[in-house]
């Protein structure tokens, strides 16, 4: 089982505390998957600084909290840290320029980034 909390989940949440209550729902789902013999992997949320549609201090705080939980909760059998792998070391709130697909037409940007940026 692979679970990635997404920016869409954060951006549609009206209140950050209520969003964090969903951690318990994920944990129940993980327990059920493990009971069936599955492994559970988590993936961090990519930085999105510079995107005025998504970025707010509130959403960045939510992203940081979720990423911290994914990295340190001990609830995953493995973690894929897309945040660290793809963020700009000079500005950790934004993506590496090579991975940032903001200049591509939206029809080309509905996939996760690959080694050229947008999938």
N, C-alpha and C. Protein backbone atom coordinates (compact mmCIF):
# COMPACT_ATOMS: atom_id res chain seq x y z
N UNK A 1 0.85 -1.18 0.00
CA UNK A 1 0.00 0.00 0.00
C UNK A 1 0.89 1.23 0.00
N UNK A 2 0.58 2.17 -0.83
CA UNK A 2 1.32 3.43 -0.92
C UNK A 2 0.33 4.56 -0.68
N UNK A 3 0.61 5.39 0.31
CA UNK A 3 -0.29 6.50 0.60
C UNK A 3 0.47 7.80 0.55
N UNK A 4 -0.05 8.72 -0.22
CA UNK A 4 0.55 10.05 -0.32
C UNK A 4 -0.53 11.07 0.00
N UNK A 5 -0.34 11.78 1.11
CA UNK A 5 -1.25 12.88 1.39
C UNK A 5 -0.97 13.96 0.36
N UNK A 6 -1.99 14.59 -0.13
CA UNK A 6 -1.79 15.51 -1.23
C UNK A 6 -2.07 16.96 -0.86
N UNK A 7 -1.55 17.83 -1.69
CA UNK A 7 -1.81 19.26 -1.52
C UNK A 7 -3.29 19.54 -1.66
N UNK A 8 -3.98 18.78 -2.51
CA UNK A 8 -5.41 19.00 -2.66
C UNK A 8 -6.14 18.77 -1.33
N UNK A 9 -5.71 17.79 -0.57
CA UNK A 9 -6.35 17.53 0.73
C UNK A 9 -6.13 18.70 1.68
N UNK A 10 -4.94 19.26 1.65
CA UNK A 10 -4.65 20.42 2.51
C UNK A 10 -5.41 21.64 2.01
N UNK A 11 -5.42 21.85 0.69
CA UNK A 11 -6.01 23.08 0.16
C UNK A 11 -7.53 23.10 0.29
N UNK A 12 -8.16 21.94 0.43
CA UNK A 12 -9.62 21.93 0.57
C UNK A 12 -10.06 21.88 2.02
N UNK A 13 -9.12 21.71 2.94
CA UNK A 13 -9.47 21.69 4.35
C UNK A 13 -9.74 23.12 4.83
N UNK A 14 -10.85 23.32 5.50
CA UNK A 14 -11.21 24.65 5.99
C UNK A 14 -10.45 25.00 7.27
N UNK A 15 -10.16 23.97 8.05
CA UNK A 15 -9.48 24.21 9.33
C UNK A 15 -8.36 23.21 9.49
N UNK A 16 -7.19 23.69 9.82
CA UNK A 16 -6.03 22.83 9.97
C UNK A 16 -6.22 21.77 11.05
N UNK A 17 -6.72 22.09 12.25
CA UNK A 17 -6.88 21.04 13.26
C UNK A 17 -7.77 19.89 12.79
N UNK A 18 -8.83 20.19 12.04
CA UNK A 18 -9.70 19.11 11.58
C UNK A 18 -8.96 18.24 10.55
N UNK A 19 -8.09 18.85 9.76
CA UNK A 19 -7.31 18.08 8.81
C UNK A 19 -6.41 17.09 9.55
N UNK A 20 -5.80 17.53 10.64
CA UNK A 20 -4.89 16.66 11.38
C UNK A 20 -5.60 15.48 12.01
N UNK A 21 -6.90 15.61 12.25
CA UNK A 21 -7.64 14.47 12.78
C UNK A 21 -7.68 13.33 11.77
N UNK A 22 -7.45 13.63 10.50
CA UNK A 22 -7.46 12.57 9.50
C UNK A 22 -6.27 11.63 9.67
N UNK A 23 -5.25 12.03 10.43
CA UNK A 23 -4.14 11.12 10.71
C UNK A 23 -4.68 9.82 11.32
N UNK A 24 -5.63 9.92 12.22
CA UNK A 24 -6.20 8.73 12.85
C UNK A 24 -6.88 7.83 11.82
N UNK A 25 -7.55 8.42 10.85
CA UNK A 25 -8.20 7.64 9.80
C UNK A 25 -7.15 6.91 8.96
N UNK A 26 -6.05 7.60 8.65
CA UNK A 26 -4.98 6.95 7.90
C UNK A 26 -4.41 5.80 8.72
N UNK A 27 -4.21 6.01 10.00
CA UNK A 27 -3.64 4.96 10.84
C UNK A 27 -4.53 3.72 10.89
N UNK A 28 -5.84 3.91 10.93
CA UNK A 28 -6.75 2.76 10.87
C UNK A 28 -6.62 2.03 9.53
N UNK A 29 -6.51 2.79 8.46
CA UNK A 29 -6.34 2.20 7.14
C UNK A 29 -5.01 1.42 7.08
N UNK A 30 -3.96 1.96 7.67
CA UNK A 30 -2.67 1.28 7.69
C UNK A 30 -2.77 -0.04 8.47
N UNK A 31 -3.44 0.01 9.62
CA UNK A 31 -3.60 -1.20 10.43
C UNK A 31 -4.35 -2.28 9.65
N UNK A 32 -5.39 -1.88 8.93
CA UNK A 32 -6.16 -2.83 8.12
C UNK A 32 -5.28 -3.43 7.02
N UNK A 33 -4.48 -2.60 6.37
CA UNK A 33 -3.62 -3.08 5.30
C UNK A 33 -2.58 -4.06 5.84
N UNK A 34 -2.00 -3.74 6.99
CA UNK A 34 -1.00 -4.63 7.58
C UNK A 34 -1.62 -5.94 8.03
N UNK A 35 -2.86 -5.88 8.51
CA UNK A 35 -3.55 -7.10 8.92
C UNK A 35 -3.72 -8.07 7.74
N UNK A 36 -3.73 -7.52 6.54
CA UNK A 36 -3.84 -8.34 5.33
C UNK A 36 -2.48 -8.67 4.73
N UNK A 37 -1.40 -8.29 5.44
CA UNK A 37 -0.05 -8.62 4.99
C UNK A 37 0.60 -7.61 4.07
N UNK A 38 0.03 -6.43 3.95
CA UNK A 38 0.59 -5.40 3.07
C UNK A 38 1.59 -4.53 3.80
N UNK A 39 2.50 -3.94 3.05
CA UNK A 39 3.39 -2.92 3.55
C UNK A 39 2.78 -1.56 3.27
N UNK A 40 3.14 -0.58 4.09
CA UNK A 40 2.58 0.77 3.93
C UNK A 40 3.74 1.75 3.74
N UNK A 41 3.67 2.51 2.64
CA UNK A 41 4.68 3.50 2.33
C UNK A 41 4.03 4.88 2.27
N UNK A 42 4.76 5.87 2.75
CA UNK A 42 4.28 7.24 2.70
C UNK A 42 5.20 8.08 1.84
N UNK A 43 4.66 9.18 1.32
CA UNK A 43 5.44 10.10 0.51
C UNK A 43 5.13 11.52 0.97
N UNK A 44 6.16 12.31 1.11
CA UNK A 44 5.97 13.68 1.56
C UNK A 44 5.38 14.54 0.44
N UNK A 45 4.83 15.67 0.85
CA UNK A 45 4.21 16.62 -0.08
C UNK A 45 5.27 17.59 -0.58
N UNK A 46 5.26 17.79 -1.89
CA UNK A 46 6.23 18.71 -2.51
C UNK A 46 6.02 20.15 -2.05
N UNK A 47 7.09 20.95 -2.02
CA UNK A 47 6.91 22.37 -1.74
C UNK A 47 6.14 23.06 -2.86
N UNK A 48 5.43 24.12 -2.51
CA UNK A 48 4.62 24.82 -3.51
C UNK A 48 4.71 26.32 -3.35
N UNK A 49 5.75 26.81 -2.70
CA UNK A 49 5.96 28.26 -2.59
C UNK A 49 6.09 28.88 -3.96
N UNK A 50 5.53 30.06 -4.12
CA UNK A 50 5.56 30.75 -5.40
C UNK A 50 4.31 30.53 -6.23
N UNK A 51 3.48 29.57 -5.85
CA UNK A 51 2.22 29.33 -6.55
C UNK A 51 1.12 30.05 -5.77
N UNK A 52 0.74 31.22 -6.23
CA UNK A 52 -0.18 32.06 -5.46
C UNK A 52 -1.54 31.41 -5.29
N UNK A 53 -1.93 30.51 -6.18
CA UNK A 53 -3.21 29.83 -6.03
C UNK A 53 -3.23 28.95 -4.79
N UNK A 54 -2.13 28.25 -4.52
CA UNK A 54 -2.07 27.32 -3.39
C UNK A 54 -1.43 27.91 -2.15
N UNK A 55 -0.35 28.67 -2.33
CA UNK A 55 0.47 29.01 -1.17
C UNK A 55 -0.19 30.01 -0.24
N UNK A 56 -0.25 29.64 1.03
CA UNK A 56 -0.56 30.53 2.14
C UNK A 56 0.29 30.05 3.31
N UNK A 57 0.49 30.89 4.29
CA UNK A 57 1.24 30.47 5.48
C UNK A 57 0.55 29.28 6.15
N UNK A 58 -0.77 29.31 6.17
CA UNK A 58 -1.56 28.24 6.76
C UNK A 58 -1.31 26.91 6.06
N UNK A 59 -1.33 26.93 4.73
CA UNK A 59 -1.12 25.68 3.98
C UNK A 59 0.31 25.20 4.09
N UNK A 60 1.26 26.12 4.15
CA UNK A 60 2.65 25.71 4.34
C UNK A 60 2.82 25.06 5.71
N UNK A 61 2.19 25.62 6.74
CA UNK A 61 2.26 25.01 8.07
C UNK A 61 1.65 23.61 8.06
N UNK A 62 0.54 23.45 7.33
CA UNK A 62 -0.09 22.13 7.22
C UNK A 62 0.84 21.17 6.49
N UNK A 63 1.45 21.61 5.41
CA UNK A 63 2.38 20.75 4.66
C UNK A 63 3.54 20.31 5.54
N UNK A 64 4.10 21.26 6.29
CA UNK A 64 5.20 20.93 7.19
C UNK A 64 4.78 19.92 8.25
N UNK A 65 3.59 20.10 8.81
CA UNK A 65 3.09 19.18 9.84
C UNK A 65 2.88 17.78 9.26
N UNK A 66 2.27 17.71 8.10
CA UNK A 66 2.03 16.41 7.46
C UNK A 66 3.36 15.74 7.12
N UNK A 67 4.28 16.49 6.54
CA UNK A 67 5.58 15.90 6.19
C UNK A 67 6.32 15.41 7.43
N UNK A 68 6.25 16.17 8.50
CA UNK A 68 6.90 15.75 9.75
C UNK A 68 6.28 14.46 10.27
N UNK A 69 4.97 14.35 10.19
CA UNK A 69 4.27 13.14 10.63
C UNK A 69 4.67 11.95 9.74
N UNK A 70 4.71 12.17 8.43
CA UNK A 70 5.10 11.09 7.52
C UNK A 70 6.51 10.62 7.83
N UNK A 71 7.43 11.55 8.04
CA UNK A 71 8.83 11.20 8.29
C UNK A 71 9.06 10.55 9.65
N UNK A 72 8.33 11.00 10.67
CA UNK A 72 8.71 10.64 12.04
C UNK A 72 7.68 9.86 12.85
N UNK A 73 6.52 9.58 12.27
CA UNK A 73 5.48 8.90 13.07
C UNK A 73 5.79 7.44 13.34
N UNK A 74 6.62 6.85 12.51
CA UNK A 74 6.90 5.43 12.66
C UNK A 74 5.77 4.54 12.14
N UNK A 75 4.79 5.12 11.48
CA UNK A 75 3.62 4.37 11.01
C UNK A 75 3.82 3.77 9.61
N UNK A 76 4.93 4.11 8.97
CA UNK A 76 5.17 3.64 7.61
C UNK A 76 6.30 2.62 7.59
N UNK A 77 6.20 1.68 6.67
CA UNK A 77 7.28 0.72 6.46
C UNK A 77 8.42 1.36 5.67
N UNK A 78 8.12 2.42 4.97
CA UNK A 78 9.11 3.18 4.23
C UNK A 78 8.56 4.54 3.87
N UNK A 79 9.45 5.50 3.68
CA UNK A 79 9.05 6.87 3.34
C UNK A 79 9.83 7.31 2.11
N UNK A 80 9.12 7.85 1.14
CA UNK A 80 9.73 8.46 -0.03
C UNK A 80 9.64 9.97 0.21
N UNK A 81 10.77 10.60 0.38
CA UNK A 81 10.79 12.01 0.76
C UNK A 81 10.95 12.90 -0.48
N UNK A 82 9.82 13.09 -1.19
CA UNK A 82 9.83 13.95 -2.37
C UNK A 82 10.17 15.39 -2.01
N UNK A 83 9.78 15.82 -0.82
CA UNK A 83 10.07 17.19 -0.37
C UNK A 83 11.57 17.45 -0.41
N UNK A 84 12.34 16.60 0.23
CA UNK A 84 13.79 16.80 0.27
C UNK A 84 14.41 16.59 -1.11
N UNK A 85 13.94 15.59 -1.83
CA UNK A 85 14.53 15.26 -3.14
C UNK A 85 14.31 16.34 -4.18
N UNK A 86 13.20 17.05 -4.10
CA UNK A 86 12.86 17.97 -5.19
C UNK A 86 12.78 19.44 -4.81
N UNK A 87 13.07 19.77 -3.56
CA UNK A 87 12.99 21.19 -3.20
C UNK A 87 14.29 21.90 -3.56
N UNK A 88 14.16 23.19 -3.72
CA UNK A 88 15.29 24.05 -4.04
C UNK A 88 16.08 24.29 -2.76
N UNK A 89 17.33 23.89 -2.69
CA UNK A 89 18.09 24.10 -1.45
C UNK A 89 18.29 25.57 -1.10
N UNK A 90 18.21 26.45 -2.10
CA UNK A 90 18.35 27.89 -1.84
C UNK A 90 17.05 28.51 -1.35
N UNK A 91 15.93 27.84 -1.60
CA UNK A 91 14.61 28.32 -1.18
C UNK A 91 13.74 27.08 -0.93
N UNK A 92 13.77 26.56 0.28
CA UNK A 92 13.14 25.27 0.58
C UNK A 92 11.61 25.29 0.48
N UNK A 93 11.02 26.46 0.23
CA UNK A 93 9.58 26.53 0.02
C UNK A 93 9.20 26.35 -1.44
N UNK A 94 10.19 26.19 -2.32
CA UNK A 94 9.90 26.05 -3.75
C UNK A 94 10.61 24.81 -4.30
N UNK A 95 10.17 24.39 -5.49
CA UNK A 95 10.78 23.25 -6.17
C UNK A 95 12.09 23.65 -6.83
N UNK A 96 12.94 22.65 -7.05
CA UNK A 96 14.09 22.86 -7.91
C UNK A 96 13.60 23.38 -9.26
N UNK A 97 14.33 24.26 -9.85
CA UNK A 97 13.93 24.81 -11.14
C UNK A 97 13.73 23.70 -12.18
N UNK A 98 14.58 22.71 -12.17
CA UNK A 98 14.48 21.62 -13.15
C UNK A 98 13.22 20.78 -12.96
N UNK A 99 12.64 20.78 -11.76
CA UNK A 99 11.45 19.98 -11.49
C UNK A 99 10.18 20.81 -11.52
N UNK A 100 10.31 22.10 -11.68
CA UNK A 100 9.15 22.99 -11.64
C UNK A 100 8.53 23.09 -13.01
N UNK A 101 7.28 22.64 -13.11
CA UNK A 101 6.60 22.60 -14.41
C UNK A 101 5.62 23.75 -14.59
N UNK A 102 5.75 24.82 -13.81
CA UNK A 102 4.77 25.91 -13.83
C UNK A 102 4.66 26.56 -15.21
N UNK A 103 5.68 26.47 -16.02
CA UNK A 103 5.62 27.13 -17.32
C UNK A 103 5.02 26.24 -18.41
N UNK A 104 4.66 25.00 -18.08
CA UNK A 104 4.07 24.11 -19.08
C UNK A 104 2.56 24.30 -19.12
N UNK A 105 1.94 24.06 -20.26
CA UNK A 105 0.47 24.14 -20.33
C UNK A 105 -0.17 23.18 -19.35
N UNK A 106 -1.30 23.55 -18.77
CA UNK A 106 -1.92 22.73 -17.75
C UNK A 106 -2.24 21.33 -18.26
N UNK A 107 -2.49 21.16 -19.54
CA UNK A 107 -2.79 19.84 -20.08
C UNK A 107 -1.59 18.91 -19.96
N UNK A 108 -0.40 19.47 -19.82
CA UNK A 108 0.81 18.66 -19.68
C UNK A 108 1.22 18.49 -18.23
N UNK A 109 0.54 19.16 -17.31
CA UNK A 109 0.99 19.18 -15.93
C UNK A 109 0.07 18.46 -14.97
N UNK A 110 -0.67 17.50 -15.46
CA UNK A 110 -1.56 16.78 -14.57
C UNK A 110 -0.93 15.47 -14.10
N UNK A 111 0.36 15.34 -14.32
CA UNK A 111 1.08 14.15 -13.89
C UNK A 111 2.18 14.55 -12.92
N UNK A 112 2.64 13.60 -12.09
CA UNK A 112 3.73 13.93 -11.17
C UNK A 112 5.00 14.27 -11.94
N UNK A 113 5.90 15.03 -11.34
CA UNK A 113 7.15 15.38 -12.01
C UNK A 113 7.99 14.13 -12.31
N UNK A 114 8.74 14.20 -13.41
CA UNK A 114 9.71 13.16 -13.71
C UNK A 114 11.07 13.83 -13.81
N UNK A 115 12.05 13.16 -14.40
CA UNK A 115 13.39 13.73 -14.44
C UNK A 115 13.51 14.97 -15.32
N UNK A 116 12.46 15.33 -16.06
CA UNK A 116 12.47 16.54 -16.88
C UNK A 116 11.53 17.61 -16.31
N UNK A 117 10.97 17.37 -15.14
CA UNK A 117 10.01 18.31 -14.57
C UNK A 117 8.64 17.67 -14.53
N UNK A 118 7.69 18.25 -15.19
CA UNK A 118 6.34 17.72 -15.20
C UNK A 118 6.28 16.45 -16.01
N UNK A 119 5.67 15.36 -15.42
CA UNK A 119 5.55 14.04 -16.03
C UNK A 119 5.24 14.11 -17.45
